[in-house]
Amino acid sequence: MQNNLDKRNTMTQLIELNVPAAMKSFSVLRVPFLQTENFTIHNTELNAFVEEPWHKHPYKVVNIVMEGEFEMEIGDEAAIYGPGMIGYIPANKMHRVFALSDCKIITIRYHQQQMNYK
């Protein structure tokens, strides 16, 4: 019987093998994740001095910084994020990221645009 650590390592290996080429070009690695109908949550690791150029996506994103520092520009606003800070990127908003050091981030992507809390 596999213990939880073995299962986690197996999951990590499977996901690492399926990282899209576009993500590799940013030196970004996304490992163990949970995906539901409404959101995906995963780890994001950025290497120091790597830039994710200006881009946008059709979903909202929340980043929780666990380690390291990065600069994020959203539209014409810029801020530096460090451990314990939370960043929010609205859907369809142009943004870029520049890693000031090696970073570990928990990323939550909200796929469903209209959430009903009733």
PDB file of N, CA and C in Angstrom:
ATOM      1  N   MET A   1       0.845  -1.199   0.000  1.00  0.00           N
ATOM      2  CA  MET A   1       0.000   0.000   0.000  1.00  0.00           C
ATOM      3  C   MET A   1       0.877   1.245   0.000  1.00  0.00           C
ATOM      4  N   GLN A   2       0.553   2.225  -0.844  1.00  0.00           N
ATOM      5  CA  GLN A   2       1.318   3.467  -0.947  1.00  0.00           C
ATOM      6  C   GLN A   2       0.975   4.398   0.208  1.00  0.00           C
ATOM      7  N   ASN A   3       2.007   5.008   0.808  1.00  0.00           N
ATOM      8  CA  ASN A   3       1.695   5.990   1.849  1.00  0.00           C
ATOM      9  C   ASN A   3       1.442   7.345   1.179  1.00  0.00           C
ATOM     10  N   ASN A   4       1.001   8.345   1.961  1.00  0.00           N
ATOM     11  CA  ASN A   4       0.640   9.647   1.402  1.00  0.00           C
ATOM     12  C   ASN A   4       1.819  10.327   0.718  1.00  0.00           C
ATOM     13  N   LEU A   5       3.025  10.202   1.266  1.00  0.00           N
ATOM     14  CA  LEU A   5       4.203  10.821   0.671  1.00  0.00           C
ATOM     15  C   LEU A   5       4.461  10.241  -0.714  1.00  0.00           C
ATOM     16  N   ASP A   6       4.356   8.921  -0.853  1.00  0.00           N
ATOM     17  CA  ASP A   6       4.547   8.296  -2.156  1.00  0.00           C
ATOM     18  C   ASP A   6       3.512   8.788  -3.160  1.00  0.00           C
ATOM     19  N   LYS A   7       2.255   8.927  -2.724  1.00  0.00           N
ATOM     20  CA  LYS A   7       1.203   9.414  -3.608  1.00  0.00           C
ATOM     21  C   LYS A   7       1.507  10.838  -4.055  1.00  0.00           C
ATOM     22  N   ARG A   8       1.961  11.682  -3.118  1.00  0.00           N
ATOM     23  CA  ARG A   8       2.283  13.067  -3.455  1.00  0.00           C
ATOM     24  C   ARG A   8       3.424  13.117  -4.455  1.00  0.00           C
ATOM     25  N   ASN A   9       4.459  12.330  -4.251  1.00  0.00           N
ATOM     26  CA  ASN A   9       5.593  12.323  -5.175  1.00  0.00           C
ATOM     27  C   ASN A   9       5.171  11.843  -6.558  1.00  0.00           C
ATOM     28  N   THR A  10       4.309  10.849  -6.616  1.00  0.00           N
ATOM     29  CA  THR A  10       3.812  10.352  -7.897  1.00  0.00           C
ATOM     30  C   THR A  10       3.031  11.451  -8.602  1.00  0.00           C
ATOM     31  N   MET A  11       2.167  12.158  -7.882  1.00  0.00           N
ATOM     32  CA  MET A  11       1.375  13.236  -8.465  1.00  0.00           C
ATOM     33  C   MET A  11       2.298  14.328  -8.989  1.00  0.00           C
ATOM     34  N   THR A  12       3.314  14.701  -8.222  1.00  0.00           N
ATOM     35  CA  THR A  12       4.260  15.737  -8.640  1.00  0.00           C
ATOM     36  C   THR A  12       4.961  15.326  -9.921  1.00  0.00           C
ATOM     37  N   GLN A  13       5.418  14.099 -10.002  1.00  0.00           N
ATOM     38  CA  GLN A  13       6.117  13.636 -11.197  1.00  0.00           C
ATOM     39  C   GLN A  13       5.210  13.681 -12.419  1.00  0.00           C
ATOM     40  N   LEU A  14       3.970  13.284 -12.270  1.00  0.00           N
ATOM     41  CA  LEU A  14       3.049  13.289 -13.399  1.00  0.00           C
ATOM     42  C   LEU A  14       2.796  14.699 -13.892  1.00  0.00           C
ATOM     43  N   ILE A  15       2.613  15.636 -12.973  1.00  0.00           N
ATOM     44  CA  ILE A  15       2.328  17.012 -13.360  1.00  0.00           C
ATOM     45  C   ILE A  15       3.548  17.659 -13.984  1.00  0.00           C
ATOM     46  N   GLU A  16       4.737  17.420 -13.430  1.00  0.00           N
ATOM     47  CA  GLU A  16       5.946  18.018 -13.977  1.00  0.00           C
ATOM     48  C   GLU A  16       6.158  17.592 -15.427  1.00  0.00           C
ATOM     49  N   LEU A  17       5.778  16.396 -15.772  1.00  0.00           N
ATOM     50  CA  LEU A  17       5.953  15.906 -17.131  1.00  0.00           C
ATOM     51  C   LEU A  17       5.014  16.589 -18.113  1.00  0.00           C
ATOM     52  N   ASN A  18       3.935  17.195 -17.599  1.00  0.00           N
ATOM     53  CA  ASN A  18       2.927  17.785 -18.467  1.00  0.00           C
ATOM     54  C   ASN A  18       2.923  19.312 -18.444  1.00  0.00           C
ATOM     55  N   VAL A  19       4.006  19.944 -18.018  1.00  0.00           N
ATOM     56  CA  VAL A  19       4.074  21.405 -18.010  1.00  0.00           C
ATOM     57  C   VAL A  19       4.142  21.891 -19.457  1.00  0.00           C
ATOM     58  N   PRO A  20       3.215  22.758 -19.886  1.00  0.00           N
ATOM     59  CA  PRO A  20       3.227  23.237 -21.273  1.00  0.00           C
ATOM     60  C   PRO A  20       4.512  23.986 -21.612  1.00  0.00           C
ATOM     61  N   ALA A  21       4.922  23.924 -22.852  1.00  0.00           N
ATOM     62  CA  ALA A  21       6.161  24.570 -23.306  1.00  0.00           C
ATOM     63  C   ALA A  21       6.143  26.063 -23.024  1.00  0.00           C
ATOM     64  N   ALA A  22       4.993  26.723 -23.168  1.00  0.00           N
ATOM     65  CA  ALA A  22       4.913  28.168 -22.924  1.00  0.00           C
ATOM     66  C   ALA A  22       5.274  28.501 -21.481  1.00  0.00           C
ATOM     67  N   MET A  23       4.905  27.649 -20.541  1.00  0.00           N
ATOM     68  CA  MET A  23       5.225  27.887 -19.139  1.00  0.00           C
ATOM     69  C   MET A  23       6.716  27.682 -18.906  1.00  0.00           C
ATOM     70  N   LYS A  24       7.319  26.709 -19.568  1.00  0.00           N
ATOM     71  CA  LYS A  24       8.745  26.456 -19.411  1.00  0.00           C
ATOM     72  C   LYS A  24       9.566  27.656 -19.855  1.00  0.00           C
ATOM     73  N   SER A  25       9.087  28.398 -20.849  1.00  0.00           N
ATOM     74  CA  SER A  25       9.839  29.543 -21.353  1.00  0.00           C
ATOM     75  C   SER A  25       9.942  30.645 -20.304  1.00  0.00           C
ATOM     76  N   PHE A  26       9.052  30.665 -19.336  1.00  0.00           N
ATOM     77  CA  PHE A  26       9.104  31.651 -18.272  1.00  0.00           C
ATOM     78  C   PHE A  26       9.888  31.135 -17.066  1.00  0.00           C
ATOM     79  N   SER A  27      10.458  29.939 -17.139  1.00  0.00           N
ATOM     80  CA  SER A  27      11.106  29.284 -16.001  1.00  0.00           C
ATOM     81  C   SER A  27      10.145  29.193 -14.825  1.00  0.00           C
ATOM     82  N   VAL A  28       8.922  28.849 -15.126  1.00  0.00           N
ATOM     83  CA  VAL A  28       7.877  28.676 -14.118  1.00  0.00           C
ATOM     84  C   VAL A  28       7.577  27.194 -14.032  1.00  0.00           C
ATOM     85  N   LEU A  29       7.444  26.701 -12.827  1.00  0.00           N
ATOM     86  CA  LEU A  29       7.093  25.300 -12.642  1.00  0.00           C
ATOM     87  C   LEU A  29       5.855  25.242 -11.772  1.00  0.00           C
ATOM     88  N   ARG A  30       4.836  24.570 -12.242  1.00  0.00           N
ATOM     89  CA  ARG A  30       3.617  24.408 -11.460  1.00  0.00           C
ATOM     90  C   ARG A  30       3.544  22.929 -11.079  1.00  0.00           C
ATOM     91  N   VAL A  31       3.404  22.679  -9.803  1.00  0.00           N
ATOM     92  CA  VAL A  31       3.394  21.309  -9.299  1.00  0.00           C
ATOM     93  C   VAL A  31       2.104  21.051  -8.544  1.00  0.00           C
ATOM     94  N   PRO A  32       1.962  19.979  -7.765  1.00  0.00           N
ATOM     95  CA  PRO A  32       0.668  19.487  -7.281  1.00  0.00           C
ATOM     96  C   PRO A  32      -0.475  20.497  -7.288  1.00  0.00           C
ATOM     97  N   PHE A  33      -1.605  20.079  -7.847  1.00  0.00           N
ATOM     98  CA  PHE A  33      -2.730  20.990  -7.957  1.00  0.00           C
ATOM     99  C   PHE A  33      -4.030  20.286  -7.635  1.00  0.00           C
ATOM    100  N   LEU A  34      -5.042  21.104  -7.387  1.00  0.00           N
ATOM    101  CA  LEU A  34      -6.404  20.635  -7.188  1.00  0.00           C
ATOM    102  C   LEU A  34      -7.269  21.427  -8.147  1.00  0.00           C
ATOM    103  N   GLN A  35      -8.059  20.732  -8.956  1.00  0.00           N
ATOM    104  CA  GLN A  35      -8.918  21.422  -9.909  1.00  0.00           C
ATOM    105  C   GLN A  35     -10.356  21.020  -9.671  1.00  0.00           C
ATOM    106  N   THR A  36     -11.230  22.032  -9.637  1.00  0.00           N
ATOM    107  CA  THR A  36     -12.666  21.801  -9.513  1.00  0.00           C
ATOM    108  C   THR A  36     -13.351  22.525 -10.669  1.00  0.00           C
ATOM    109  N   GLU A  37     -14.658  22.501 -10.681  1.00  0.00           N
ATOM    110  CA  GLU A  37     -15.420  23.185 -11.730  1.00  0.00           C
ATOM    111  C   GLU A  37     -15.174  24.695 -11.686  1.00  0.00           C
ATOM    112  N   ASN A  38     -14.959  25.247 -10.492  1.00  0.00           N
ATOM    113  CA  ASN A  38     -14.874  26.697 -10.330  1.00  0.00           C
ATOM    114  C   ASN A  38     -13.468  27.255 -10.193  1.00  0.00           C
ATOM    115  N   PHE A  39     -12.510  26.447  -9.750  1.00  0.00           N
ATOM    116  CA  PHE A  39     -11.173  26.982  -9.526  1.00  0.00           C
ATOM    117  C   PHE A  39     -10.112  25.900  -9.632  1.00  0.00           C
ATOM    118  N   THR A  40      -8.869  26.363  -9.794  1.00  0.00           N
ATOM    119  CA  THR A  40      -7.687  25.508  -9.741  1.00  0.00           C
ATOM    120  C   THR A  40      -6.749  26.134  -8.727  1.00  0.00           C
ATOM    121  N   ILE A  41      -6.173  25.333  -7.864  1.00  0.00           N
ATOM    122  CA  ILE A  41      -5.189  25.824  -6.904  1.00  0.00           C
ATOM    123  C   ILE A  41      -3.914  25.007  -7.108  1.00  0.00           C
ATOM    124  N   HIS A  42      -2.783  25.702  -7.167  1.00  0.00           N
ATOM    125  CA  HIS A  42      -1.511  25.012  -7.396  1.00  0.00           C
ATOM    126  C   HIS A  42      -0.350  25.839  -6.860  1.00  0.00           C
ATOM    127  N   ASN A  43       0.796  25.205  -6.761  1.00  0.00           N
ATOM    128  CA  ASN A  43       2.035  25.896  -6.401  1.00  0.00           C
ATOM    129  C   ASN A  43       2.630  26.491  -7.666  1.00  0.00           C
ATOM    130  N   THR A  44       3.225  27.660  -7.539  1.00  0.00           N
ATOM    131  CA  THR A  44       3.976  28.262  -8.633  1.00  0.00           C
ATOM    132  C   THR A  44       5.362  28.572  -8.100  1.00  0.00           C
ATOM    133  N   GLU A  45       6.371  28.191  -8.834  1.00  0.00           N
ATOM    134  CA  GLU A  45       7.744  28.518  -8.462  1.00  0.00           C
ATOM    135  C   GLU A  45       8.352  29.357  -9.575  1.00  0.00           C
ATOM    136  N   LEU A  46       8.891  30.515  -9.202  1.00  0.00           N
ATOM    137  CA  LEU A  46       9.561  31.397 -10.157  1.00  0.00           C
ATOM    138  C   LEU A  46      11.037  31.439  -9.807  1.00  0.00           C
ATOM    139  N   ASN A  47      11.892  31.303 -10.792  1.00  0.00           N
ATOM    140  CA  ASN A  47      13.323  31.463 -10.566  1.00  0.00           C
ATOM    141  C   ASN A  47      13.664  32.943 -10.489  1.00  0.00           C
ATOM    142  N   ALA A  48      14.688  33.270  -9.710  1.00  0.00           N
ATOM    143  CA  ALA A  48      15.114  34.660  -9.549  1.00  0.00           C
ATOM    144  C   ALA A  48      15.412  35.292 -10.904  1.00  0.00           C
ATOM    145  N   PHE A  49      15.015  36.552 -11.051  1.00  0.00           N
ATOM    146  CA  PHE A  49      15.296  37.398 -12.212  1.00  0.00           C
ATOM    147  C   PHE A  49      14.618  36.934 -13.502  1.00  0.00           C
ATOM    148  N   VAL A  50      13.558  36.154 -13.355  1.00  0.00           N
ATOM    149  CA  VAL A  50      12.780  35.719 -14.511  1.00  0.00           C
ATOM    150  C   VAL A  50      11.563  36.633 -14.629  1.00  0.00           C
ATOM    151  N   GLU A  51      11.220  36.958 -15.861  1.00  0.00           N
ATOM    152  CA  GLU A  51      10.063  37.802 -16.111  1.00  0.00           C
ATOM    153  C   GLU A  51       9.000  37.021 -16.858  1.00  0.00           C
ATOM    154  N   GLU A  52       7.770  37.130 -16.402  1.00  0.00           N
ATOM    155  CA  GLU A  52       6.619  36.695 -17.185  1.00  0.00           C
ATOM    156  C   GLU A  52       6.170  37.958 -17.900  1.00  0.00           C
ATOM    157  N   PRO A  53       6.308  38.029 -19.216  1.00  0.00           N
ATOM    158  CA  PRO A  53       5.978  39.267 -19.938  1.00  0.00           C
ATOM    159  C   PRO A  53       4.487  39.602 -19.853  1.00  0.00           C
ATOM    160  N   TRP A  54       4.147  40.795 -20.324  1.00  0.00           N
ATOM    161  CA  TRP A  54       2.757  41.248 -20.303  1.00  0.00           C
ATOM    162  C   TRP A  54       1.858  40.199 -20.950  1.00  0.00           C
ATOM    163  N   HIS A  55       0.779  39.882 -20.234  1.00  0.00           N
ATOM    164  CA  HIS A  55      -0.205  38.924 -20.732  1.00  0.00           C
ATOM    165  C   HIS A  55      -1.497  39.103 -19.948  1.00  0.00           C
ATOM    166  N   LYS A  56      -2.525  38.404 -20.347  1.00  0.00           N
ATOM    167  CA  LYS A  56      -3.793  38.411 -19.607  1.00  0.00           C
ATOM    168  C   LYS A  56      -4.434  37.047 -19.784  1.00  0.00           C
ATOM    169  N   HIS A  57      -5.407  36.743 -18.912  1.00  0.00           N
ATOM    170  CA  HIS A  57      -6.160  35.503 -19.039  1.00  0.00           C
ATOM    171  C   HIS A  57      -7.605  35.762 -18.648  1.00  0.00           C
ATOM    172  N   PRO A  58      -8.516  34.901 -19.072  1.00  0.00           N
ATOM    173  CA  PRO A  58      -9.945  35.160 -18.891  1.00  0.00           C
ATOM    174  C   PRO A  58     -10.489  34.822 -17.505  1.00  0.00           C
ATOM    175  N   TYR A  59      -9.637  34.615 -16.531  1.00  0.00           N
ATOM    176  CA  TYR A  59     -10.089  34.258 -15.184  1.00  0.00           C
ATOM    177  C   TYR A  59      -9.361  35.107 -14.151  1.00  0.00           C
ATOM    178  N   LYS A  60      -9.954  35.191 -12.970  1.00  0.00           N
ATOM    179  CA  LYS A  60      -9.359  35.913 -11.850  1.00  0.00           C
ATOM    180  C   LYS A  60      -8.279  35.042 -11.212  1.00  0.00           C
ATOM    181  N   VAL A  61      -7.240  35.687 -10.657  1.00  0.00           N
ATOM    182  CA  VAL A  61      -6.151  34.950 -10.020  1.00  0.00           C
ATOM    183  C   VAL A  61      -5.836  35.587  -8.672  1.00  0.00           C
ATOM    184  N   VAL A  62      -5.631  34.741  -7.666  1.00  0.00           N
ATOM    185  CA  VAL A  62      -5.133  35.173  -6.364  1.00  0.00           C
ATOM    186  C   VAL A  62      -3.811  34.454  -6.131  1.00  0.00           C
ATOM    187  N   ASN A  63      -2.771  35.226  -5.788  1.00  0.00           N
ATOM    188  CA  ASN A  63      -1.458  34.663  -5.477  1.00  0.00           C
ATOM    189  C   ASN A  63      -1.141  34.904  -4.011  1.00  0.00           C
ATOM    190  N   ILE A  64      -0.761  33.847  -3.304  1.00  0.00           N
ATOM    191  CA  ILE A  64      -0.354  33.933  -1.902  1.00  0.00           C
ATOM    192  C   ILE A  64       1.139  33.634  -1.867  1.00  0.00           C
ATOM    193  N   VAL A  65       1.931  34.614  -1.467  1.00  0.00           N
ATOM    194  CA  VAL A  65       3.391  34.478  -1.494  1.00  0.00           C
ATOM    195  C   VAL A  65       3.859  33.718  -0.260  1.00  0.00           C
ATOM    196  N   MET A  66       4.552  32.619  -0.486  1.00  0.00           N
ATOM    197  CA  MET A  66       5.087  31.812   0.608  1.00  0.00           C
ATOM    198  C   MET A  66       6.562  32.135   0.855  1.00  0.00           C
ATOM    199  N   GLU A  67       7.325  32.315  -0.224  1.00  0.00           N
ATOM    200  CA  GLU A  67       8.754  32.608  -0.132  1.00  0.00           C
ATOM    201  C   GLU A  67       9.144  33.526  -1.278  1.00  0.00           C
ATOM    202  N   GLY A  68      10.150  34.369  -1.035  1.00  0.00           N
ATOM    203  CA  GLY A  68      10.714  35.204  -2.086  1.00  0.00           C
ATOM    204  C   GLY A  68       9.961  36.508  -2.283  1.00  0.00           C
ATOM    205  N   GLU A  69      10.451  37.289  -3.246  1.00  0.00           N
ATOM    206  CA  GLU A  69       9.827  38.562  -3.588  1.00  0.00           C
ATOM    207  C   GLU A  69       9.734  38.698  -5.097  1.00  0.00           C
ATOM    208  N   PHE A  70       8.657  39.326  -5.568  1.00  0.00           N
ATOM    209  CA  PHE A  70       8.502  39.610  -6.982  1.00  0.00           C
ATOM    210  C   PHE A  70       7.782  40.937  -7.151  1.00  0.00           C
ATOM    211  N   GLU A  71       8.024  41.567  -8.290  1.00  0.00           N
ATOM    212  CA  GLU A  71       7.303  42.783  -8.641  1.00  0.00           C
ATOM    213  C   GLU A  71       6.208  42.402  -9.606  1.00  0.00           C
ATOM    214  N   MET A  72       5.008  42.909  -9.362  1.00  0.00           N
ATOM    215  CA  MET A  72       3.896  42.660 -10.268  1.00  0.00           C
ATOM    216  C   MET A  72       3.350  44.001 -10.725  1.00  0.00           C
ATOM    217  N   GLU A  73       3.172  44.133 -12.025  1.00  0.00           N
ATOM    218  CA  GLU A  73       2.516  45.295 -12.604  1.00  0.00           C
ATOM    219  C   GLU A  73       1.181  44.829 -13.141  1.00  0.00           C
ATOM    220  N   ILE A  74       0.129  45.532 -12.757  1.00  0.00           N
ATOM    221  CA  ILE A  74      -1.217  45.261 -13.251  1.00  0.00           C
ATOM    222  C   ILE A  74      -1.716  46.575 -13.828  1.00  0.00           C
ATOM    223  N   GLY A  75      -1.872  46.603 -15.147  1.00  0.00           N
ATOM    224  CA  GLY A  75      -2.208  47.873 -15.793  1.00  0.00           C
ATOM    225  C   GLY A  75      -1.069  48.847 -15.579  1.00  0.00           C
ATOM    226  N   ASP A  76      -1.361  50.021 -15.009  1.00  0.00           N
ATOM    227  CA  ASP A  76      -0.315  51.015 -14.772  1.00  0.00           C
ATOM    228  C   ASP A  76       0.112  51.072 -13.305  1.00  0.00           C
ATOM    229  N   GLU A  77      -0.256  50.072 -12.510  1.00  0.00           N
ATOM    230  CA  GLU A  77       0.123  50.023 -11.096  1.00  0.00           C
ATOM    231  C   GLU A  77       1.131  48.911 -10.857  1.00  0.00           C
ATOM    232  N   ALA A  78       2.129  49.191 -10.021  1.00  0.00           N
ATOM    233  CA  ALA A  78       3.163  48.197  -9.691  1.00  0.00           C
ATOM    234  C   ALA A  78       3.291  48.077  -8.179  1.00  0.00           C
ATOM    235  N   ALA A  79       3.611  46.867  -7.716  1.00  0.00           N
ATOM    236  CA  ALA A  79       3.833  46.626  -6.286  1.00  0.00           C
ATOM    237  C   ALA A  79       4.804  45.472  -6.135  1.00  0.00           C
ATOM    238  N   ILE A  80       5.518  45.476  -5.026  1.00  0.00           N
ATOM    239  CA  ILE A  80       6.416  44.369  -4.700  1.00  0.00           C
ATOM    240  C   ILE A  80       5.729  43.510  -3.644  1.00  0.00           C
ATOM    241  N   TYR A  81       5.705  42.207  -3.898  1.00  0.00           N
ATOM    242  CA  TYR A  81       5.056  41.250  -3.006  1.00  0.00           C
ATOM    243  C   TYR A  81       6.107  40.371  -2.356  1.00  0.00           C
ATOM    244  N   GLY A  82       5.903  40.075  -1.067  1.00  0.00           N
ATOM    245  CA  GLY A  82       6.802  39.212  -0.323  1.00  0.00           C
ATOM    246  C   GLY A  82       6.019  38.222   0.518  1.00  0.00           C
ATOM    247  N   PRO A  83       6.723  37.422   1.314  1.00  0.00           N
ATOM    248  CA  PRO A  83       6.077  36.374   2.110  1.00  0.00           C
ATOM    249  C   PRO A  83       4.902  36.887   2.941  1.00  0.00           C
ATOM    250  N   GLY A  84       3.798  36.144   2.857  1.00  0.00           N
ATOM    251  CA  GLY A  84       2.597  36.476   3.613  1.00  0.00           C
ATOM    252  C   GLY A  84       1.663  37.436   2.906  1.00  0.00           C
ATOM    253  N   MET A  85       2.095  37.991   1.782  1.00  0.00           N
ATOM    254  CA  MET A  85       1.256  38.945   1.051  1.00  0.00           C
ATOM    255  C   MET A  85       0.381  38.208   0.044  1.00  0.00           C
ATOM    256  N   ILE A  86      -0.741  38.830  -0.303  1.00  0.00           N
ATOM    257  CA  ILE A  86      -1.694  38.261  -1.244  1.00  0.00           C
ATOM    258  C   ILE A  86      -1.912  39.258  -2.370  1.00  0.00           C
ATOM    259  N   GLY A  87      -1.796  38.774  -3.608  1.00  0.00           N
ATOM    260  CA  GLY A  87      -2.033  39.616  -4.773  1.00  0.00           C
ATOM    261  C   GLY A  87      -3.243  39.134  -5.537  1.00  0.00           C
ATOM    262  N   TYR A  88      -3.966  40.077  -6.132  1.00  0.00           N
ATOM    263  CA  TYR A  88      -5.175  39.765  -6.900  1.00  0.00           C
ATOM    264  C   TYR A  88      -5.024  40.308  -8.315  1.00  0.00           C
ATOM    265  N   ILE A  89      -5.319  39.485  -9.307  1.00  0.00           N
ATOM    266  CA  ILE A  89      -5.284  39.897 -10.707  1.00  0.00           C
ATOM    267  C   ILE A  89      -6.694  39.724 -11.275  1.00  0.00           C
ATOM    268  N   PRO A  90      -7.338  40.821 -11.662  1.00  0.00           N
ATOM    269  CA  PRO A  90      -8.677  40.697 -12.251  1.00  0.00           C
ATOM    270  C   PRO A  90      -8.633  39.957 -13.594  1.00  0.00           C
ATOM    271  N   ALA A  91      -9.734  39.372 -13.975  1.00  0.00           N
ATOM    272  CA  ALA A  91      -9.837  38.706 -15.271  1.00  0.00           C
ATOM    273  C   ALA A  91      -9.618  39.712 -16.396  1.00  0.00           C
ATOM    274  N   ASN A  92      -8.947  39.264 -17.454  1.00  0.00           N
ATOM    275  CA  ASN A  92      -8.722  40.052 -18.668  1.00  0.00           C
ATOM    276  C   ASN A  92      -7.941  41.344 -18.453  1.00  0.00           C
ATOM    277  N   LYS A  93      -7.152  41.424 -17.388  1.00  0.00           N
ATOM    278  CA  LYS A  93      -6.342  42.614 -17.097  1.00  0.00           C
ATOM    279  C   LYS A  93      -4.886  42.327 -17.451  1.00  0.00           C
ATOM    280  N   MET A  94      -4.283  43.159 -18.273  1.00  0.00           N
ATOM    281  CA  MET A  94      -2.886  42.980 -18.651  1.00  0.00           C
ATOM    282  C   MET A  94      -2.003  43.115 -17.405  1.00  0.00           C
ATOM    283  N   HIS A  95      -1.034  42.187 -17.290  1.00  0.00           N
ATOM    284  CA  HIS A  95      -0.131  42.207 -16.141  1.00  0.00           C
ATOM    285  C   HIS A  95       1.175  41.515 -16.505  1.00  0.00           C
ATOM    286  N   ARG A  96       2.198  41.780 -15.686  1.00  0.00           N
ATOM    287  CA  ARG A  96       3.505  41.129 -15.839  1.00  0.00           C
ATOM    288  C   ARG A  96       4.079  40.906 -14.454  1.00  0.00           C
ATOM    289  N   VAL A  97       5.030  39.971 -14.372  1.00  0.00           N
ATOM    290  CA  VAL A  97       5.684  39.640 -13.103  1.00  0.00           C
ATOM    291  C   VAL A  97       7.180  39.562 -13.347  1.00  0.00           C
ATOM    292  N   PHE A  98       7.955  40.109 -12.400  1.00  0.00           N
ATOM    293  CA  PHE A  98       9.408  39.983 -12.432  1.00  0.00           C
ATOM    294  C   PHE A  98       9.856  39.472 -11.076  1.00  0.00           C
ATOM    295  N   ALA A  99      10.494  38.298 -11.043  1.00  0.00           N
ATOM    296  CA  ALA A  99      10.938  37.689  -9.780  1.00  0.00           C
ATOM    297  C   ALA A  99      12.229  38.357  -9.315  1.00  0.00           C
ATOM    298  N   LEU A 100      12.207  38.927  -8.130  1.00  0.00           N
ATOM    299  CA  LEU A 100      13.392  39.554  -7.542  1.00  0.00           C
ATOM    300  C   LEU A 100      14.279  38.521  -6.862  1.00  0.00           C
ATOM    301  N   SER A 101      13.702  37.359  -6.551  1.00  0.00           N
ATOM    302  CA  SER A 101      14.428  36.235  -5.953  1.00  0.00           C
ATOM    303  C   SER A 101      13.666  34.966  -6.313  1.00  0.00           C
ATOM    304  N   ASP A 102      14.180  33.815  -5.927  1.00  0.00           N
ATOM    305  CA  ASP A 102      13.416  32.577  -6.120  1.00  0.00           C
ATOM    306  C   ASP A 102      12.124  32.701  -5.321  1.00  0.00           C
ATOM    307  N   CYS A 103      11.013  32.353  -5.922  1.00  0.00           N
ATOM    308  CA  CYS A 103       9.705  32.532  -5.283  1.00  0.00           C
ATOM    309  C   CYS A 103       8.917  31.229  -5.249  1.00  0.00           C
ATOM    310  N   LYS A 104       8.172  31.060  -4.164  1.00  0.00           N
ATOM    311  CA  LYS A 104       7.191  29.985  -4.047  1.00  0.00           C
ATOM    312  C   LYS A 104       5.861  30.649  -3.722  1.00  0.00           C
ATOM    313  N   ILE A 105       4.884  30.359  -4.565  1.00  0.00           N
ATOM    314  CA  ILE A 105       3.593  31.038  -4.497  1.00  0.00           C
ATOM    315  C   ILE A 105       2.481  30.004  -4.589  1.00  0.00           C
ATOM    316  N   ILE A 106       1.416  30.203  -3.821  1.00  0.00           N
ATOM    317  CA  ILE A 106       0.205  29.405  -3.994  1.00  0.00           C
ATOM    318  C   ILE A 106      -0.705  30.228  -4.899  1.00  0.00           C
ATOM    319  N   THR A 107      -1.103  29.645  -6.022  1.00  0.00           N
ATOM    320  CA  THR A 107      -1.922  30.344  -7.015  1.00  0.00           C
ATOM    321  C   THR A 107      -3.312  29.723  -7.065  1.00  0.00           C
ATOM    322  N   ILE A 108      -4.328  30.587  -7.018  1.00  0.00           N
ATOM    323  CA  ILE A 108      -5.716  30.146  -7.135  1.00  0.00           C
ATOM    324  C   ILE A 108      -6.298  30.839  -8.359  1.00  0.00           C
ATOM    325  N   ARG A 109      -6.755  30.043  -9.310  1.00  0.00           N
ATOM    326  CA  ARG A 109      -7.350  30.570 -10.551  1.00  0.00           C
ATOM    327  C   ARG A 109      -8.852  30.299 -10.504  1.00  0.00           C
ATOM    328  N   TYR A 110      -9.650  31.364 -10.592  1.00  0.00           N
ATOM    329  CA  TYR A 110     -11.104  31.239 -10.550  1.00  0.00           C
ATOM    330  C   TYR A 110     -11.645  31.204 -11.971  1.00  0.00           C
ATOM    331  N   HIS A 111     -12.066  30.027 -12.423  1.00  0.00           N
ATOM    332  CA  HIS A 111     -12.533  29.841 -13.791  1.00  0.00           C
ATOM    333  C   HIS A 111     -13.952  30.340 -13.999  1.00  0.00           C
ATOM    334  N   GLN A 112     -14.794  30.176 -13.002  1.00  0.00           N
ATOM    335  CA  GLN A 112     -16.192  30.585 -13.127  1.00  0.00           C
ATOM    336  C   GLN A 112     -16.280  32.081 -12.839  1.00  0.00           C
ATOM    337  N   GLN A 113     -16.728  32.860 -13.788  1.00  0.00           N
ATOM    338  CA  GLN A 113     -16.761  34.311 -13.641  1.00  0.00           C
ATOM    339  C   GLN A 113     -17.872  34.790 -12.708  1.00  0.00           C
ATOM    340  N   GLN A 114     -19.011  34.151 -12.728  1.00  0.00           N
ATOM    341  CA  GLN A 114     -20.125  34.546 -11.869  1.00  0.00           C
ATOM    342  C   GLN A 114     -20.331  33.485 -10.802  1.00  0.00           C
ATOM    343  N   MET A 115     -20.049  33.831  -9.551  1.00  0.00           N
ATOM    344  CA  MET A 115     -20.213  32.875  -8.461  1.00  0.00           C
ATOM    345  C   MET A 115     -21.499  33.214  -7.702  1.00  0.00           C
ATOM    346  N   ASN A 116     -22.272  32.203  -7.387  1.00  0.00           N
ATOM    347  CA  ASN A 116     -23.520  32.378  -6.674  1.00  0.00           C
ATOM    348  C   ASN A 116     -23.325  31.878  -5.246  1.00  0.00           C
ATOM    349  N   TYR A 117     -23.400  32.795  -4.277  1.00  0.00           N
ATOM    350  CA  TYR A 117     -23.143  32.432  -2.888  1.00  0.00           C
ATOM    351  C   TYR A 117     -24.431  32.134  -2.110  1.00  0.00           C
ATOM    352  N   LYS A 118     -25.570  31.937  -2.770  1.00  0.00           N
ATOM    353  CA  LYS A 118     -26.830  31.665  -2.086  1.00  0.00           C
ATOM    354  C   LYS A 118     -26.844  30.286  -1.508  1.00  0.00           C
TER     355      LYS A 118
END
